[in-house]
Amino acid sequence: MPTEHFDNAFGHRLTEERNRLGLAVHKLAHLAGITDYQQKRFENGTSVIPIDYLQALVARSDADVLYIITGTHSV
């Protein structure tokens, strides 16, 4: 049976991006259409970040999603 591995680096980079944008947890959660609880789970690496969440960030914020995913800034 496969074990799931959550890359905490995604969550760390997501937190960095939220801070760079000057947004509180609840504000980024609202922009992405999720709960504060789920946002915190993404940021602390205890939940997988789904593609629809990343798509919402691209559509509704200036978050550097490439950086969140790869660790390389898009600009």
PDB file of N, CA and C in Angstrom:
ATOM      1  N   MET A   1       0.845  -1.176   0.000  1.00  0.00           N
ATOM      2  CA  MET A   1       0.000   0.000   0.000  1.00  0.00           C
ATOM      3  C   MET A   1       0.892   1.241   0.000  1.00  0.00           C
ATOM      4  N   PRO A   2       0.669   2.177  -0.945  1.00  0.00           N
ATOM      5  CA  PRO A   2       1.524   3.368  -1.015  1.00  0.00           C
ATOM      6  C   PRO A   2       1.281   4.296   0.166  1.00  0.00           C
ATOM      7  N   THR A   3       2.333   4.926   0.609  1.00  0.00           N
ATOM      8  CA  THR A   3       2.193   5.919   1.668  1.00  0.00           C
ATOM      9  C   THR A   3       2.242   7.296   1.036  1.00  0.00           C
ATOM     10  N   GLU A   4       1.446   8.192   1.580  1.00  0.00           N
ATOM     11  CA  GLU A   4       1.440   9.561   1.066  1.00  0.00           C
ATOM     12  C   GLU A   4       2.551  10.347   1.748  1.00  0.00           C
ATOM     13  N   HIS A   5       3.185  11.191   0.980  1.00  0.00           N
ATOM     14  CA  HIS A   5       4.231  12.054   1.514  1.00  0.00           C
ATOM     15  C   HIS A   5       3.863  13.489   1.173  1.00  0.00           C
ATOM     16  N   PHE A   6       3.773  14.302   2.196  1.00  0.00           N
ATOM     17  CA  PHE A   6       3.461  15.706   1.983  1.00  0.00           C
ATOM     18  C   PHE A   6       4.753  16.502   2.036  1.00  0.00           C
ATOM     19  N   ASP A   7       5.011  17.276   1.005  1.00  0.00           N
ATOM     20  CA  ASP A   7       6.209  18.096   0.931  1.00  0.00           C
ATOM     21  C   ASP A   7       5.943  19.389   1.687  1.00  0.00           C
ATOM     22  N   ASN A   8       6.514  19.525   2.872  1.00  0.00           N
ATOM     23  CA  ASN A   8       6.315  20.731   3.670  1.00  0.00           C
ATOM     24  C   ASN A   8       6.864  21.973   2.987  1.00  0.00           C
ATOM     25  N   ALA A   9       7.743  21.798   2.025  1.00  0.00           N
ATOM     26  CA  ALA A   9       8.292  22.953   1.316  1.00  0.00           C
ATOM     27  C   ALA A   9       7.196  23.701   0.555  1.00  0.00           C
ATOM     28  N   PHE A  10       6.194  22.978   0.034  1.00  0.00           N
ATOM     29  CA  PHE A  10       5.083  23.647  -0.640  1.00  0.00           C
ATOM     30  C   PHE A  10       4.388  24.589   0.329  1.00  0.00           C
ATOM     31  N   GLY A  11       4.093  24.092   1.505  1.00  0.00           N
ATOM     32  CA  GLY A  11       3.406  24.892   2.516  1.00  0.00           C
ATOM     33  C   GLY A  11       4.230  26.084   2.954  1.00  0.00           C
ATOM     34  N   HIS A  12       5.532  25.861   3.115  1.00  0.00           N
ATOM     35  CA  HIS A  12       6.418  26.959   3.505  1.00  0.00           C
ATOM     36  C   HIS A  12       6.439  28.044   2.438  1.00  0.00           C
ATOM     37  N   ARG A  13       6.530  27.629   1.177  1.00  0.00           N
ATOM     38  CA  ARG A  13       6.548  28.613   0.081  1.00  0.00           C
ATOM     39  C   ARG A  13       5.194  29.307  -0.046  1.00  0.00           C
ATOM     40  N   LEU A  14       4.111  28.588   0.212  1.00  0.00           N
ATOM     41  CA  LEU A  14       2.781  29.202   0.192  1.00  0.00           C
ATOM     42  C   LEU A  14       2.691  30.282   1.271  1.00  0.00           C
ATOM     43  N   THR A  15       3.197  29.996   2.459  1.00  0.00           N
ATOM     44  CA  THR A  15       3.215  30.988   3.538  1.00  0.00           C
ATOM     45  C   THR A  15       4.070  32.185   3.153  1.00  0.00           C
ATOM     46  N   GLU A  16       5.225  31.930   2.541  1.00  0.00           N
ATOM     47  CA  GLU A  16       6.082  33.030   2.080  1.00  0.00           C
ATOM     48  C   GLU A  16       5.341  33.920   1.091  1.00  0.00           C
ATOM     49  N   GLU A  17       4.624  33.312   0.155  1.00  0.00           N
ATOM     50  CA  GLU A  17       3.878  34.086  -0.842  1.00  0.00           C
ATOM     51  C   GLU A  17       2.755  34.886  -0.189  1.00  0.00           C
ATOM     52  N   ARG A  18       2.048  34.274   0.740  1.00  0.00           N
ATOM     53  CA  ARG A  18       0.974  34.992   1.436  1.00  0.00           C
ATOM     54  C   ARG A  18       1.548  36.206   2.166  1.00  0.00           C
ATOM     55  N   ASN A  19       2.676  36.011   2.842  1.00  0.00           N
ATOM     56  CA  ASN A  19       3.321  37.118   3.541  1.00  0.00           C
ATOM     57  C   ASN A  19       3.825  38.178   2.577  1.00  0.00           C
ATOM     58  N   ARG A  20       4.387  37.747   1.455  1.00  0.00           N
ATOM     59  CA  ARG A  20       4.871  38.707   0.442  1.00  0.00           C
ATOM     60  C   ARG A  20       3.732  39.583  -0.057  1.00  0.00           C
ATOM     61  N   LEU A  21       2.560  38.984  -0.192  1.00  0.00           N
ATOM     62  CA  LEU A  21       1.387  39.721  -0.665  1.00  0.00           C
ATOM     63  C   LEU A  21       0.749  40.564   0.437  1.00  0.00           C
ATOM     64  N   GLY A  22       1.202  40.381   1.671  1.00  0.00           N
ATOM     65  CA  GLY A  22       0.664  41.140   2.797  1.00  0.00           C
ATOM     66  C   GLY A  22      -0.734  40.707   3.198  1.00  0.00           C
ATOM     67  N   LEU A  23      -1.037  39.418   3.014  1.00  0.00           N
ATOM     68  CA  LEU A  23      -2.375  38.910   3.300  1.00  0.00           C
ATOM     69  C   LEU A  23      -2.387  38.048   4.557  1.00  0.00           C
ATOM     70  N   ALA A  24      -3.432  38.209   5.347  1.00  0.00           N
ATOM     71  CA  ALA A  24      -3.656  37.329   6.496  1.00  0.00           C
ATOM     72  C   ALA A  24      -4.160  35.985   5.978  1.00  0.00           C
ATOM     73  N   VAL A  25      -4.071  34.965   6.808  1.00  0.00           N
ATOM     74  CA  VAL A  25      -4.539  33.624   6.440  1.00  0.00           C
ATOM     75  C   VAL A  25      -5.973  33.677   5.933  1.00  0.00           C
ATOM     76  N   HIS A  26      -6.851  34.353   6.677  1.00  0.00           N
ATOM     77  CA  HIS A  26      -8.273  34.367   6.293  1.00  0.00           C
ATOM     78  C   HIS A  26      -8.504  35.078   4.961  1.00  0.00           C
ATOM     79  N   LYS A  27      -7.686  36.067   4.651  1.00  0.00           N
ATOM     80  CA  LYS A  27      -7.865  36.803   3.393  1.00  0.00           C
ATOM     81  C   LYS A  27      -7.482  35.932   2.192  1.00  0.00           C
ATOM     82  N   LEU A  28      -6.349  35.240   2.269  1.00  0.00           N
ATOM     83  CA  LEU A  28      -5.950  34.373   1.161  1.00  0.00           C
ATOM     84  C   LEU A  28      -6.933  33.212   1.028  1.00  0.00           C
ATOM     85  N   ALA A  29      -7.381  32.680   2.163  1.00  0.00           N
ATOM     86  CA  ALA A  29      -8.374  31.605   2.128  1.00  0.00           C
ATOM     87  C   ALA A  29      -9.633  32.074   1.410  1.00  0.00           C
ATOM     88  N   HIS A  30     -10.089  33.278   1.738  1.00  0.00           N
ATOM     89  CA  HIS A  30     -11.287  33.826   1.097  1.00  0.00           C
ATOM     90  C   HIS A  30     -11.074  33.982  -0.411  1.00  0.00           C
ATOM     91  N   LEU A  31      -9.928  34.514  -0.816  1.00  0.00           N
ATOM     92  CA  LEU A  31      -9.642  34.682  -2.239  1.00  0.00           C
ATOM     93  C   LEU A  31      -9.663  33.352  -2.984  1.00  0.00           C
ATOM     94  N   ALA A  32      -9.202  32.302  -2.315  1.00  0.00           N
ATOM     95  CA  ALA A  32      -9.126  30.988  -2.945  1.00  0.00           C
ATOM     96  C   ALA A  32     -10.406  30.178  -2.776  1.00  0.00           C
ATOM     97  N   GLY A  33     -11.341  30.696  -1.993  1.00  0.00           N
ATOM     98  CA  GLY A  33     -12.617  30.006  -1.819  1.00  0.00           C
ATOM     99  C   GLY A  33     -12.562  28.809  -0.885  1.00  0.00           C
ATOM    100  N   ILE A  34     -11.673  28.882   0.104  1.00  0.00           N
ATOM    101  CA  ILE A  34     -11.552  27.785   1.065  1.00  0.00           C
ATOM    102  C   ILE A  34     -11.686  28.343   2.484  1.00  0.00           C
ATOM    103  N   THR A  35     -11.712  27.452   3.459  1.00  0.00           N
ATOM    104  CA  THR A  35     -11.797  27.866   4.854  1.00  0.00           C
ATOM    105  C   THR A  35     -10.411  28.240   5.390  1.00  0.00           C
ATOM    106  N   ASP A  36     -10.399  29.008   6.471  1.00  0.00           N
ATOM    107  CA  ASP A  36      -9.143  29.338   7.138  1.00  0.00           C
ATOM    108  C   ASP A  36      -8.432  28.059   7.584  1.00  0.00           C
ATOM    109  N   TYR A  37      -9.224  27.119   8.099  1.00  0.00           N
ATOM    110  CA  TYR A  37      -8.672  25.843   8.565  1.00  0.00           C
ATOM    111  C   TYR A  37      -7.928  25.125   7.431  1.00  0.00           C
ATOM    112  N   GLN A  38      -8.540  25.073   6.248  1.00  0.00           N
ATOM    113  CA  GLN A  38      -7.888  24.400   5.124  1.00  0.00           C
ATOM    114  C   GLN A  38      -6.637  25.153   4.688  1.00  0.00           C
ATOM    115  N   GLN A  39      -6.689  26.485   4.692  1.00  0.00           N
ATOM    116  CA  GLN A  39      -5.509  27.288   4.348  1.00  0.00           C
ATOM    117  C   GLN A  39      -4.358  26.970   5.298  1.00  0.00           C
ATOM    118  N   LYS A  40      -4.660  26.896   6.579  1.00  0.00           N
ATOM    119  CA  LYS A  40      -3.625  26.579   7.568  1.00  0.00           C
ATOM    120  C   LYS A  40      -3.061  25.184   7.338  1.00  0.00           C
ATOM    121  N   ARG A  41      -3.905  24.229   6.960  1.00  0.00           N
ATOM    122  CA  ARG A  41      -3.437  22.863   6.674  1.00  0.00           C
ATOM    123  C   ARG A  41      -2.505  22.855   5.467  1.00  0.00           C
ATOM    124  N   PHE A  42      -2.827  23.641   4.437  1.00  0.00           N
ATOM    125  CA  PHE A  42      -1.941  23.742   3.279  1.00  0.00           C
ATOM    126  C   PHE A  42      -0.590  24.319   3.704  1.00  0.00           C
ATOM    127  N   GLU A  43      -0.642  25.384   4.502  1.00  0.00           N
ATOM    128  CA  GLU A  43       0.586  26.066   4.895  1.00  0.00           C
ATOM    129  C   GLU A  43       1.455  25.244   5.837  1.00  0.00           C
ATOM    130  N   ASN A  44       0.846  24.431   6.688  1.00  0.00           N
ATOM    131  CA  ASN A  44       1.682  23.642   7.605  1.00  0.00           C
ATOM    132  C   ASN A  44       2.033  22.272   7.042  1.00  0.00           C
ATOM    133  N   GLY A  45       1.614  22.004   5.805  1.00  0.00           N
ATOM    134  CA  GLY A  45       2.025  20.795   5.117  1.00  0.00           C
ATOM    135  C   GLY A  45       1.281  19.540   5.511  1.00  0.00           C
ATOM    136  N   THR A  46       0.111  19.684   6.133  1.00  0.00           N
ATOM    137  CA  THR A  46      -0.641  18.500   6.541  1.00  0.00           C
ATOM    138  C   THR A  46      -1.757  18.147   5.573  1.00  0.00           C
ATOM    139  N   SER A  47      -1.860  18.892   4.482  1.00  0.00           N
ATOM    140  CA  SER A  47      -2.863  18.600   3.466  1.00  0.00           C
ATOM    141  C   SER A  47      -2.277  18.898   2.089  1.00  0.00           C
ATOM    142  N   VAL A  48      -2.603  18.059   1.143  1.00  0.00           N
ATOM    143  CA  VAL A  48      -2.144  18.239  -0.233  1.00  0.00           C
ATOM    144  C   VAL A  48      -2.824  19.470  -0.841  1.00  0.00           C
ATOM    145  N   ILE A  49      -2.056  20.261  -1.563  1.00  0.00           N
ATOM    146  CA  ILE A  49      -2.591  21.458  -2.217  1.00  0.00           C
ATOM    147  C   ILE A  49      -3.156  21.054  -3.579  1.00  0.00           C
ATOM    148  N   PRO A  50      -4.475  21.167  -3.766  1.00  0.00           N
ATOM    149  CA  PRO A  50      -5.074  20.736  -5.033  1.00  0.00           C
ATOM    150  C   PRO A  50      -4.913  21.782  -6.144  1.00  0.00           C
ATOM    151  N   ILE A  51      -4.990  21.324  -7.358  1.00  0.00           N
ATOM    152  CA  ILE A  51      -4.820  22.197  -8.519  1.00  0.00           C
ATOM    153  C   ILE A  51      -5.880  23.292  -8.575  1.00  0.00           C
ATOM    154  N   ASP A  52      -7.110  23.004  -8.172  1.00  0.00           N
ATOM    155  CA  ASP A  52      -8.143  24.039  -8.239  1.00  0.00           C
ATOM    156  C   ASP A  52      -7.854  25.184  -7.276  1.00  0.00           C
ATOM    157  N   TYR A  53      -7.188  24.899  -6.175  1.00  0.00           N
ATOM    158  CA  TYR A  53      -6.763  25.949  -5.245  1.00  0.00           C
ATOM    159  C   TYR A  53      -5.725  26.839  -5.925  1.00  0.00           C
ATOM    160  N   LEU A  54      -4.735  26.219  -6.559  1.00  0.00           N
ATOM    161  CA  LEU A  54      -3.701  26.982  -7.256  1.00  0.00           C
ATOM    162  C   LEU A  54      -4.293  27.803  -8.397  1.00  0.00           C
ATOM    163  N   GLN A  55      -5.257  27.230  -9.107  1.00  0.00           N
ATOM    164  CA  GLN A  55      -5.927  27.966 -10.180  1.00  0.00           C
ATOM    165  C   GLN A  55      -6.658  29.188  -9.623  1.00  0.00           C
ATOM    166  N   ALA A  56      -7.285  29.052  -8.466  1.00  0.00           N
ATOM    167  CA  ALA A  56      -7.969  30.180  -7.835  1.00  0.00           C
ATOM    168  C   ALA A  56      -6.968  31.262  -7.446  1.00  0.00           C
ATOM    169  N   LEU A  57      -5.801  30.863  -6.944  1.00  0.00           N
ATOM    170  CA  LEU A  57      -4.779  31.855  -6.596  1.00  0.00           C
ATOM    171  C   LEU A  57      -4.331  32.641  -7.820  1.00  0.00           C
ATOM    172  N   VAL A  58      -4.127  31.943  -8.929  1.00  0.00           N
ATOM    173  CA  VAL A  58      -3.713  32.609 -10.166  1.00  0.00           C
ATOM    174  C   VAL A  58      -4.787  33.590 -10.626  1.00  0.00           C
ATOM    175  N   ALA A  59      -6.033  33.185 -10.541  1.00  0.00           N
ATOM    176  CA  ALA A  59      -7.139  34.018 -11.028  1.00  0.00           C
ATOM    177  C   ALA A  59      -7.438  35.211 -10.124  1.00  0.00           C
ATOM    178  N   ARG A  60      -7.186  35.071  -8.811  1.00  0.00           N
ATOM    179  CA  ARG A  60      -7.674  36.080  -7.871  1.00  0.00           C
ATOM    180  C   ARG A  60      -6.598  36.797  -7.065  1.00  0.00           C
ATOM    181  N   SER A  61      -5.333  36.509  -7.359  1.00  0.00           N
ATOM    182  CA  SER A  61      -4.260  37.172  -6.605  1.00  0.00           C
ATOM    183  C   SER A  61      -3.021  37.285  -7.489  1.00  0.00           C
ATOM    184  N   ASP A  62      -2.006  37.891  -6.932  1.00  0.00           N
ATOM    185  CA  ASP A  62      -0.727  37.998  -7.629  1.00  0.00           C
ATOM    186  C   ASP A  62       0.282  36.970  -7.107  1.00  0.00           C
ATOM    187  N   ALA A  63      -0.224  35.893  -6.516  1.00  0.00           N
ATOM    188  CA  ALA A  63       0.664  34.854  -5.992  1.00  0.00           C
ATOM    189  C   ALA A  63       1.484  34.238  -7.119  1.00  0.00           C
ATOM    190  N   ASP A  64       2.734  33.997  -6.835  1.00  0.00           N
ATOM    191  CA  ASP A  64       3.644  33.364  -7.786  1.00  0.00           C
ATOM    192  C   ASP A  64       3.501  31.844  -7.613  1.00  0.00           C
ATOM    193  N   VAL A  65       2.537  31.274  -8.326  1.00  0.00           N
ATOM    194  CA  VAL A  65       2.228  29.855  -8.187  1.00  0.00           C
ATOM    195  C   VAL A  65       3.396  28.986  -8.650  1.00  0.00           C
ATOM    196  N   LEU A  66       4.138  29.428  -9.643  1.00  0.00           N
ATOM    197  CA  LEU A  66       5.312  28.671 -10.070  1.00  0.00           C
ATOM    198  C   LEU A  66       6.285  28.524  -8.900  1.00  0.00           C
ATOM    199  N   TYR A  67       6.474  29.591  -8.149  1.00  0.00           N
ATOM    200  CA  TYR A  67       7.353  29.531  -6.980  1.00  0.00           C
ATOM    201  C   TYR A  67       6.809  28.560  -5.929  1.00  0.00           C
ATOM    202  N   ILE A  68       5.508  28.614  -5.678  1.00  0.00           N
ATOM    203  CA  ILE A  68       4.906  27.711  -4.695  1.00  0.00           C
ATOM    204  C   ILE A  68       5.164  26.260  -5.087  1.00  0.00           C
ATOM    205  N   ILE A  69       5.027  25.969  -6.360  1.00  0.00           N
ATOM    206  CA  ILE A  69       5.165  24.577  -6.839  1.00  0.00           C
ATOM    207  C   ILE A  69       6.636  24.153  -6.931  1.00  0.00           C
ATOM    208  N   THR A  70       7.473  25.000  -7.517  1.00  0.00           N
ATOM    209  CA  THR A  70       8.839  24.569  -7.858  1.00  0.00           C
ATOM    210  C   THR A  70       9.944  25.165  -6.989  1.00  0.00           C
ATOM    211  N   GLY A  71       9.661  26.284  -6.346  1.00  0.00           N
ATOM    212  CA  GLY A  71      10.712  26.978  -5.598  1.00  0.00           C
ATOM    213  C   GLY A  71      11.504  27.947  -6.450  1.00  0.00           C
ATOM    214  N   THR A  72      11.094  28.104  -7.714  1.00  0.00           N
ATOM    215  CA  THR A  72      11.737  29.049  -8.640  1.00  0.00           C
ATOM    216  C   THR A  72      10.746  30.152  -8.972  1.00  0.00           C
ATOM    217  N   HIS A  73      11.169  31.393  -8.784  1.00  0.00           N
ATOM    218  CA  HIS A  73      10.285  32.524  -9.061  1.00  0.00           C
ATOM    219  C   HIS A  73      10.029  32.667 -10.556  1.00  0.00           C
ATOM    220  N   SER A  74       8.808  33.070 -10.894  1.00  0.00           N
ATOM    221  CA  SER A  74       8.431  33.190 -12.305  1.00  0.00           C
ATOM    222  C   SER A  74       8.976  34.444 -12.961  1.00  0.00           C
ATOM    223  N   VAL A  75       9.350  35.431 -12.182  1.00  0.00           N
ATOM    224  CA  VAL A  75       9.840  36.686 -12.743  1.00  0.00           C
ATOM    225  C   VAL A  75      11.307  36.861 -12.451  1.00  0.00           C
TER     226      VAL A  75
END
